[in-house]
Protein backbone atom coordinates (compact mmCIF):
# COMPACT_ATOMS: atom_id res chain seq x y z
CA UNK A 1 9.02 8.08 -12.49
CA UNK A 2 6.59 5.33 -14.02
CA UNK A 3 3.24 5.05 -12.23
CA UNK A 4 0.51 2.68 -12.33
CA UNK A 5 -3.25 3.54 -11.14
CA UNK A 6 -5.97 0.97 -10.69
CA UNK A 7 -9.39 2.42 -9.98
CA UNK A 8 -12.75 1.46 -11.24
CA UNK A 9 -13.77 5.06 -11.53
CA UNK A 10 -13.01 6.87 -14.45
CA UNK A 11 -13.04 10.22 -13.01
CA UNK A 12 -10.37 9.09 -10.75
CA UNK A 13 -7.75 7.76 -13.32
CA UNK A 14 -8.42 10.49 -15.89
CA UNK A 15 -7.49 13.15 -12.78
CA UNK A 16 -4.69 11.27 -11.88
CA UNK A 17 -3.51 10.86 -15.03
CA UNK A 18 -3.49 14.62 -16.11
CA UNK A 19 -1.74 15.66 -12.59
CA UNK A 20 0.99 13.28 -13.01
CA UNK A 21 1.52 14.13 -16.58
CA UNK A 22 1.55 17.59 -15.74
CA UNK A 23 4.44 16.88 -13.53
CA UNK A 24 6.57 14.67 -16.00
CA UNK A 25 5.56 11.16 -14.78
CA UNK A 26 5.08 8.46 -17.09
CA UNK A 27 1.41 7.15 -16.07
CA UNK A 28 -0.62 4.49 -17.12
CA UNK A 29 -3.86 3.72 -15.66
CA UNK A 30 -6.97 1.19 -15.83
CA UNK A 31 -10.19 0.87 -14.31
CA UNK A 32 -9.89 -2.79 -15.26
CA UNK A 33 -8.26 -4.78 -11.87
CA UNK A 34 -7.24 -7.75 -13.92
CA UNK A 35 -5.86 -5.52 -16.54
CA UNK A 36 -3.89 -3.88 -13.95
CA UNK A 37 -2.57 -7.13 -12.35
CA UNK A 38 -1.28 -7.98 -15.82
CA UNK A 39 0.45 -4.80 -16.48
CA UNK A 40 1.78 -5.19 -12.94
CA UNK A 41 3.30 -8.87 -13.80
CA UNK A 42 4.74 -7.58 -17.19
CA UNK A 43 5.84 -4.20 -16.65
CA UNK A 44 8.14 -2.66 -13.81
CA UNK A 45 6.34 0.47 -12.18
CA UNK A 46 8.11 2.50 -9.48
CA UNK A 47 4.71 3.03 -7.71
CA UNK A 48 1.31 1.70 -8.07
CA UNK A 49 -1.80 3.24 -6.43
CA UNK A 50 -4.65 0.31 -5.94
CA UNK A 51 -7.87 1.18 -5.24
CA UNK A 52 -9.60 -1.14 -2.59
CA UNK A 53 -13.21 -1.20 -3.39
CA UNK A 54 -13.51 -2.46 -7.05
CA UNK A 55 -16.26 -4.59 -8.39
CA UNK A 56 -15.29 -8.01 -9.35
CA UNK A 57 -11.94 -8.23 -8.22
CA UNK A 58 -11.20 -5.94 -5.33
CA UNK A 59 -7.68 -4.31 -4.43
CA UNK A 60 -7.36 -6.76 -1.61
CA UNK A 61 -7.92 -9.84 -4.27
CA UNK A 62 -5.21 -8.13 -6.72
CA UNK A 63 -2.31 -7.97 -3.26
CA UNK A 64 -3.71 -11.31 -2.68
CA UNK A 65 -2.95 -12.54 -6.59
CA UNK A 66 0.65 -11.25 -6.72
CA UNK A 67 1.09 -12.36 -2.95
CA UNK A 68 0.23 -15.68 -4.41
CA UNK A 69 2.68 -15.71 -7.17
CA UNK A 70 5.38 -14.47 -5.32
CA UNK A 71 5.69 -11.13 -7.07
CA UNK A 72 4.01 -9.07 -4.41
CA UNK A 73 7.50 -8.10 -2.38
CA UNK A 74 8.95 -6.60 -5.87
CA UNK A 75 5.97 -3.77 -5.81
CA UNK A 76 5.52 -0.33 -4.67
CA UNK A 77 1.92 -0.48 -3.59
CA UNK A 78 -0.25 2.36 -2.12
CA UNK A 79 -3.62 1.24 -1.66
CA UNK A 80 -6.14 4.12 -1.48
CA UNK A 81 -10.08 4.22 -0.76
CA UNK A 82 -12.91 5.83 0.33
CA UNK A 83 -14.34 3.19 2.46
CA UNK A 84 -13.36 2.61 5.85
CA UNK A 85 -11.10 -0.47 6.44
CA UNK A 86 -11.27 -2.03 10.08
CA UNK A 87 -7.88 -0.80 11.92
CA UNK A 88 -6.98 -4.59 12.10
CA UNK A 89 -7.36 -5.50 8.62
CA UNK A 90 -5.71 -2.22 7.25
CA UNK A 91 -2.42 -2.98 9.92
CA UNK A 92 -2.53 -6.57 8.56
CA UNK A 93 -2.64 -5.24 5.07
CA UNK A 94 -0.09 -2.69 5.44
CA UNK A 95 2.48 -5.26 7.09
CA UNK A 96 2.92 -7.20 3.74
CA UNK A 97 5.88 -7.05 1.64
CA UNK A 98 5.09 -4.76 -1.35
CA UNK A 99 2.46 -2.73 0.34
CA UNK A 100 4.13 1.00 1.25
CA UNK A 101 1.12 2.86 2.38
CA UNK A 102 -2.58 3.52 2.45
CA UNK A 103 -4.26 7.06 1.26
CA UNK A 104 -7.86 7.87 2.30
CA UNK A 105 -10.11 9.21 -0.61
CA UNK A 106 -10.29 12.42 -1.05
CA UNK A 107 -6.99 13.14 -0.87
CA UNK A 108 -4.75 16.21 -1.72
CA UNK A 109 -2.75 15.69 -4.90
CA UNK A 110 0.39 17.34 -3.36
CA UNK A 111 0.04 14.72 -0.30
CA UNK A 112 0.19 11.72 -2.83
CA UNK A 113 2.96 13.01 -4.70
CA UNK A 114 5.12 13.54 -1.64
CA UNK A 115 3.82 9.79 -0.06
CA UNK A 116 4.89 7.97 -3.23
CA UNK A 117 8.23 10.04 -4.00
CA UNK A 118 9.66 9.64 -0.62
């Protein structure tokens, strides 16, 4: 399974990289949402873990850009955040083709693994 992690926190991308590598997954991680966007457009990932709260371009911005160029529907994006997202905004986000789920930080790594592999 090929996974992309986009999160502005180096600690989180390092932790998730170590975890998924230990499970035998092909993991790519970036702390730059624009670099992540380029990777999504140029490569195929089985799952994308996307942080919502990032400076400059948020996870919402990444999703909007993918929707705008028609590539969102082909993705398997799981958003995650430590921030409280208003329920209406979360429901609207989860209705978009390509957005598969939401996980609240902090999260159990085994729960994350089960969520993205089912």
